[in-house]
Amino acid sequence: MLPAIGLVLMYSRERGRWLRAALCSRPMQAIGIASYGIYLWQQIFTAGPVKLTPRGAAIGTMQPLIFIVIPLSYFFLEKLAMRFGKTLSRRVREAASLRSGAVA
């Protein structure tokens, strides 16, 4: 892993614009957005029947459903969690600023 990181750093110094353009491209952004959903759901849809209960073994035959589940997961789980996190962070900052204002 360390040599790969070194190569990326060296390459980015020489060709930083190209690397930045490649990493900021729409396909790479789509992969980045989908990556957490893939992480969350891949085990269920790709596990062998030995790892699943008899009731869950049918999920392995529904692998194409992962292409539906991942976007749904992004829009209905991840985006909601991000929105909740932003709201929570804003409330914490507001409470901290009120406390610091009250102390001063």
C-alpha atoms as a PDB file:
ATOM      1  CA  MET A   1       0.000   0.000   0.000  1.00  0.00           C
ATOM      2  CA  LEU A   2       2.772   2.424   0.879  1.00  0.00           C
ATOM      3  CA  PRO A   3       4.472   2.157  -2.545  1.00  0.00           C
ATOM      4  CA  ALA A   4       1.130   2.813  -4.249  1.00  0.00           C
ATOM      5  CA  ILE A   5       0.593   5.951  -2.175  1.00  0.00           C
ATOM      6  CA  GLY A   6       4.110   7.111  -3.030  1.00  0.00           C
ATOM      7  CA  LEU A   7       3.505   6.559  -6.729  1.00  0.00           C
ATOM      8  CA  VAL A   8       0.243   8.526  -6.629  1.00  0.00           C
ATOM      9  CA  LEU A   9       1.939  11.398  -4.797  1.00  0.00           C
ATOM     10  CA  MET A  10       4.868  11.477  -7.230  1.00  0.00           C
ATOM     11  CA  TYR A  11       2.569  11.246 -10.221  1.00  0.00           C
ATOM     12  CA  SER A  12       0.300  13.997  -8.898  1.00  0.00           C
ATOM     13  CA  ARG A  13       3.228  16.391  -8.547  1.00  0.00           C
ATOM     14  CA  GLU A  14       4.170  15.960 -12.194  1.00  0.00           C
ATOM     15  CA  ARG A  15       0.718  15.717 -13.711  1.00  0.00           C
ATOM     16  CA  GLY A  16      -1.483  17.308 -11.086  1.00  0.00           C
ATOM     17  CA  ARG A  17      -3.989  18.843 -13.480  1.00  0.00           C
ATOM     18  CA  TRP A  18      -4.581  15.578 -15.317  1.00  0.00           C
ATOM     19  CA  LEU A  19      -4.972  13.639 -12.068  1.00  0.00           C
ATOM     20  CA  ARG A  20      -7.310  16.266 -10.613  1.00  0.00           C
ATOM     21  CA  ALA A  21      -9.406  16.248 -13.799  1.00  0.00           C
ATOM     22  CA  ALA A  22      -9.593  12.446 -13.741  1.00  0.00           C
ATOM     23  CA  LEU A  23     -10.585  12.314 -10.071  1.00  0.00           C
ATOM     24  CA  CYS A  24     -13.176  15.093 -10.468  1.00  0.00           C
ATOM     25  CA  SER A  25     -14.791  13.530 -13.544  1.00  0.00           C
ATOM     26  CA  ARG A  26     -18.432  12.481 -13.436  1.00  0.00           C
ATOM     27  CA  PRO A  27     -17.687   8.724 -13.605  1.00  0.00           C
ATOM     28  CA  MET A  28     -15.268   8.938 -10.666  1.00  0.00           C
ATOM     29  CA  GLN A  29     -17.778  11.002  -8.691  1.00  0.00           C
ATOM     30  CA  ALA A  30     -20.469   8.398  -9.413  1.00  0.00           C
ATOM     31  CA  ILE A  31     -18.148   5.652  -8.183  1.00  0.00           C
ATOM     32  CA  GLY A  32     -17.452   7.676  -5.052  1.00  0.00           C
ATOM     33  CA  ILE A  33     -21.138   8.216  -4.378  1.00  0.00           C
ATOM     34  CA  ALA A  34     -21.965   4.549  -4.972  1.00  0.00           C
ATOM     35  CA  SER A  35     -18.998   3.181  -3.026  1.00  0.00           C
ATOM     36  CA  TYR A  36     -20.603   3.343   0.423  1.00  0.00           C
ATOM     37  CA  GLY A  37     -23.788   1.714  -0.850  1.00  0.00           C
ATOM     38  CA  ILE A  38     -21.691  -1.005  -2.473  1.00  0.00           C
ATOM     39  CA  TYR A  39     -19.870  -1.454   0.826  1.00  0.00           C
ATOM     40  CA  LEU A  40     -23.155  -1.699   2.728  1.00  0.00           C
ATOM     41  CA  TRP A  41     -24.967  -4.126   0.460  1.00  0.00           C
ATOM     42  CA  GLN A  42     -22.364  -6.210  -1.376  1.00  0.00           C
ATOM     43  CA  GLN A  43     -22.105  -8.918   1.274  1.00  0.00           C
ATOM     44  CA  ILE A  44     -25.822  -9.643   1.216  1.00  0.00           C
ATOM     45  CA  PHE A  45     -26.010  -9.865  -2.563  1.00  0.00           C
ATOM     46  CA  THR A  46     -22.715 -11.639  -3.236  1.00  0.00           C
ATOM     47  CA  ALA A  47     -22.406 -14.036  -0.299  1.00  0.00           C
ATOM     48  CA  GLY A  48     -22.617 -17.716  -1.089  1.00  0.00           C
ATOM     49  CA  PRO A  49     -25.614 -19.702   0.125  1.00  0.00           C
ATOM     50  CA  VAL A  50     -23.434 -21.307   2.807  1.00  0.00           C
ATOM     51  CA  LYS A  51     -23.111 -17.928   4.570  1.00  0.00           C
ATOM     52  CA  LEU A  52     -26.841 -17.185   4.470  1.00  0.00           C
ATOM     53  CA  THR A  53     -29.746 -18.802   6.253  1.00  0.00           C
ATOM     54  CA  PRO A  54     -32.070 -20.953   4.123  1.00  0.00           C
ATOM     55  CA  ARG A  55     -34.520 -18.069   3.998  1.00  0.00           C
ATOM     56  CA  GLY A  56     -31.816 -15.648   2.838  1.00  0.00           C
ATOM     57  CA  ALA A  57     -30.302 -17.927   0.203  1.00  0.00           C
ATOM     58  CA  ALA A  58     -32.679 -16.515  -2.417  1.00  0.00           C
ATOM     59  CA  ILE A  59     -31.009 -13.111  -2.116  1.00  0.00           C
ATOM     60  CA  GLY A  60     -27.909 -14.494  -3.817  1.00  0.00           C
ATOM     61  CA  THR A  61     -29.963 -15.192  -6.938  1.00  0.00           C
ATOM     62  CA  MET A  62     -31.166 -11.591  -7.045  1.00  0.00           C
ATOM     63  CA  GLN A  63     -27.775  -9.984  -7.705  1.00  0.00           C
ATOM     64  CA  PRO A  64     -29.115  -7.595 -10.381  1.00  0.00           C
ATOM     65  CA  LEU A  65     -31.245  -5.999  -7.649  1.00  0.00           C
ATOM     66  CA  ILE A  66     -28.082  -4.495  -6.202  1.00  0.00           C
ATOM     67  CA  PHE A  67     -28.203  -1.929  -9.026  1.00  0.00           C
ATOM     68  CA  ILE A  68     -31.569  -0.790  -7.680  1.00  0.00           C
ATOM     69  CA  VAL A  69     -30.771  -1.105  -3.974  1.00  0.00           C
ATOM     70  CA  ILE A  70     -27.574   0.989  -4.114  1.00  0.00           C
ATOM     71  CA  PRO A  71     -29.203   4.172  -5.527  1.00  0.00           C
ATOM     72  CA  LEU A  72     -32.178   3.739  -3.189  1.00  0.00           C
ATOM     73  CA  SER A  73     -29.771   3.361  -0.300  1.00  0.00           C
ATOM     74  CA  TYR A  74     -27.977   6.558  -1.310  1.00  0.00           C
ATOM     75  CA  PHE A  75     -31.109   8.666  -1.612  1.00  0.00           C
ATOM     76  CA  PHE A  76     -33.106   7.243   1.303  1.00  0.00           C
ATOM     77  CA  LEU A  77     -30.424   6.292   3.829  1.00  0.00           C
ATOM     78  CA  GLU A  78     -27.184   8.115   3.142  1.00  0.00           C
ATOM     79  CA  LYS A  79     -28.644  11.500   2.152  1.00  0.00           C
ATOM     80  CA  LEU A  80     -30.978  11.439   5.155  1.00  0.00           C
ATOM     81  CA  ALA A  81     -28.055  10.579   7.433  1.00  0.00           C
ATOM     82  CA  MET A  82     -25.968  13.405   5.915  1.00  0.00           C
ATOM     83  CA  ARG A  83     -28.829  15.859   6.380  1.00  0.00           C
ATOM     84  CA  PHE A  84     -29.278  14.714   9.989  1.00  0.00           C
ATOM     85  CA  GLY A  85     -25.524  15.085  10.590  1.00  0.00           C
ATOM     86  CA  LYS A  86     -25.512  18.626   9.192  1.00  0.00           C
ATOM     87  CA  THR A  87     -28.482  19.573  11.347  1.00  0.00           C
ATOM     88  CA  LEU A  88     -26.866  18.053  14.413  1.00  0.00           C
ATOM     89  CA  SER A  89     -23.557  19.826  13.716  1.00  0.00           C
ATOM     90  CA  ARG A  90     -25.324  23.150  13.220  1.00  0.00           C
ATOM     91  CA  ARG A  91     -27.158  22.726  16.539  1.00  0.00           C
ATOM     92  CA  VAL A  92     -23.920  21.875  18.352  1.00  0.00           C
ATOM     93  CA  ARG A  93     -22.171  24.939  16.864  1.00  0.00           C
ATOM     94  CA  GLU A  94     -25.102  27.177  17.770  1.00  0.00           C
ATOM     95  CA  ALA A  95     -25.163  25.827  21.332  1.00  0.00           C
ATOM     96  CA  ALA A  96     -21.414  26.324  21.631  1.00  0.00           C
ATOM     97  CA  SER A  97     -21.633  29.898  20.362  1.00  0.00           C
ATOM     98  CA  LEU A  98     -24.488  30.633  22.795  1.00  0.00           C
ATOM     99  CA  ARG A  99     -22.441  29.229  25.664  1.00  0.00           C
ATOM    100  CA  SER A 100     -19.363  31.205  24.679  1.00  0.00           C
ATOM    101  CA  GLY A 101     -21.491  34.337  24.342  1.00  0.00           C
ATOM    102  CA  ALA A 102     -23.036  33.767  27.757  1.00  0.00           C
ATOM    103  CA  VAL A 103     -19.614  33.261  29.353  1.00  0.00           C
ATOM    104  CA  ALA A 104     -18.205  36.439  27.832  1.00  0.00           C
END
